[in-house]
Amino acid sequence: MDADITDPLFPRIPTYNSFYDTETIQLVEDIFNKDFTTYQYPLTLL
């Protein structure tokens, strides 16, 4: 059975901005630190 997305108790879909909040950016930097260093990716948003 599929979930009813019109149900108010259904979890909200994340917003675009939530993918770029400080916590998420730090998490990505921590997880991919070696890649950022090896491939010299910029650590700032474009």
N, C-alpha and C. Protein backbone atom coordinates (compact mmCIF):
# COMPACT_ATOMS: atom_id res chain seq x y z
N MET A 1 0.84 -1.18 0.00
CA MET A 1 0.00 0.00 0.00
C MET A 1 0.89 1.24 0.00
N ASP A 2 0.56 2.20 -0.86
CA ASP A 2 1.32 3.45 -0.93
C ASP A 2 0.92 4.38 0.21
N ALA A 3 1.87 5.21 0.63
CA ALA A 3 1.59 6.20 1.67
C ALA A 3 0.74 7.33 1.09
N ASP A 4 -0.13 7.86 1.90
CA ASP A 4 -0.99 8.97 1.50
C ASP A 4 -0.26 10.28 1.81
N ILE A 5 0.31 10.92 0.77
CA ILE A 5 1.09 12.13 1.01
C ILE A 5 0.23 13.34 1.35
N THR A 6 -1.09 13.21 1.22
CA THR A 6 -1.97 14.31 1.62
C THR A 6 -2.30 14.24 3.11
N ASP A 7 -1.93 13.15 3.76
CA ASP A 7 -2.15 13.00 5.19
C ASP A 7 -1.24 13.98 5.94
N PRO A 8 -1.79 14.83 6.81
CA PRO A 8 -0.97 15.82 7.52
C PRO A 8 0.10 15.18 8.41
N LEU A 9 -0.04 13.91 8.75
CA LEU A 9 0.97 13.24 9.57
C LEU A 9 2.13 12.69 8.74
N PHE A 10 1.98 12.73 7.42
CA PHE A 10 3.05 12.27 6.53
C PHE A 10 4.23 13.23 6.65
N PRO A 11 5.47 12.72 6.77
CA PRO A 11 6.63 13.62 6.91
C PRO A 11 6.75 14.59 5.74
N ARG A 12 7.13 15.80 6.07
CA ARG A 12 7.29 16.82 5.03
C ARG A 12 8.48 16.50 4.14
N ILE A 13 8.39 16.89 2.90
CA ILE A 13 9.51 16.75 1.98
C ILE A 13 10.52 17.85 2.32
N PRO A 14 11.81 17.53 2.38
CA PRO A 14 12.81 18.55 2.72
C PRO A 14 12.79 19.70 1.71
N THR A 15 13.04 20.88 2.20
CA THR A 15 13.10 22.04 1.31
C THR A 15 14.46 22.11 0.64
N TYR A 16 14.54 22.86 -0.42
CA TYR A 16 15.81 23.06 -1.13
C TYR A 16 16.86 23.60 -0.18
N ASN A 17 16.49 24.59 0.63
CA ASN A 17 17.45 25.22 1.54
C ASN A 17 17.95 24.27 2.62
N SER A 18 17.16 23.28 2.98
CA SER A 18 17.59 22.36 4.03
C SER A 18 18.79 21.52 3.60
N PHE A 19 19.00 21.40 2.30
CA PHE A 19 20.16 20.66 1.82
C PHE A 19 21.44 21.48 1.90
N TYR A 20 21.29 22.78 2.16
CA TYR A 20 22.44 23.67 2.19
C TYR A 20 22.58 24.39 3.52
N ASP A 21 22.01 23.83 4.58
CA ASP A 21 22.18 24.45 5.89
C ASP A 21 23.56 24.10 6.44
N THR A 22 23.97 24.80 7.46
CA THR A 22 25.31 24.65 8.03
C THR A 22 25.60 23.22 8.45
N GLU A 23 24.65 22.58 9.09
CA GLU A 23 24.85 21.21 9.57
C GLU A 23 25.09 20.24 8.41
N THR A 24 24.31 20.37 7.35
CA THR A 24 24.45 19.48 6.20
C THR A 24 25.77 19.70 5.49
N ILE A 25 26.14 20.95 5.31
CA ILE A 25 27.41 21.26 4.65
C ILE A 25 28.58 20.68 5.45
N GLN A 26 28.54 20.83 6.78
CA GLN A 26 29.61 20.30 7.63
C GLN A 26 29.66 18.78 7.54
N LEU A 27 28.52 18.15 7.52
CA LEU A 27 28.46 16.69 7.42
C LEU A 27 29.09 16.21 6.11
N VAL A 28 28.76 16.85 5.01
CA VAL A 28 29.33 16.49 3.71
C VAL A 28 30.85 16.71 3.72
N GLU A 29 31.28 17.84 4.29
CA GLU A 29 32.72 18.11 4.36
C GLU A 29 33.44 17.04 5.18
N ASP A 30 32.84 16.63 6.29
CA ASP A 30 33.45 15.60 7.14
C ASP A 30 33.52 14.25 6.43
N ILE A 31 32.43 13.87 5.80
CA ILE A 31 32.36 12.56 5.14
C ILE A 31 33.31 12.49 3.94
N PHE A 32 33.38 13.57 3.18
CA PHE A 32 34.15 13.56 1.94
C PHE A 32 35.45 14.35 2.03
N ASN A 33 35.97 14.53 3.24
CA ASN A 33 37.17 15.33 3.45
C ASN A 33 38.33 14.87 2.57
N LYS A 34 38.58 13.59 2.52
CA LYS A 34 39.70 13.07 1.72
C LYS A 34 39.50 13.39 0.24
N ASP A 35 38.27 13.25 -0.24
CA ASP A 35 37.98 13.57 -1.64
C ASP A 35 38.20 15.05 -1.92
N PHE A 36 37.72 15.91 -1.01
CA PHE A 36 37.89 17.34 -1.21
C PHE A 36 39.37 17.70 -1.30
N THR A 37 40.18 17.06 -0.48
CA THR A 37 41.61 17.33 -0.46
C THR A 37 42.29 16.76 -1.71
N THR A 38 42.02 15.52 -2.01
CA THR A 38 42.65 14.84 -3.14
C THR A 38 42.32 15.52 -4.46
N TYR A 39 41.05 15.86 -4.66
CA TYR A 39 40.61 16.41 -5.94
C TYR A 39 40.50 17.93 -5.93
N GLN A 40 40.90 18.56 -4.82
CA GLN A 40 40.95 20.02 -4.67
C GLN A 40 39.62 20.69 -4.99
N TYR A 41 38.53 20.10 -4.47
CA TYR A 41 37.22 20.73 -4.61
C TYR A 41 37.17 21.96 -3.72
N PRO A 42 36.48 23.01 -4.16
CA PRO A 42 36.35 24.19 -3.30
C PRO A 42 35.45 23.88 -2.10
N LEU A 43 35.75 24.47 -0.97
CA LEU A 43 34.95 24.25 0.24
C LEU A 43 33.92 25.34 0.45
N THR A 44 33.71 26.18 -0.54
CA THR A 44 32.70 27.23 -0.45
C THR A 44 31.62 26.97 -1.49
N LEU A 45 30.43 27.46 -1.20
CA LEU A 45 29.34 27.32 -2.16
C LEU A 45 29.61 28.18 -3.37
N LEU A 46 29.14 27.73 -4.50
CA LEU A 46 29.33 28.50 -5.73
C LEU A 46 28.46 29.71 -5.76
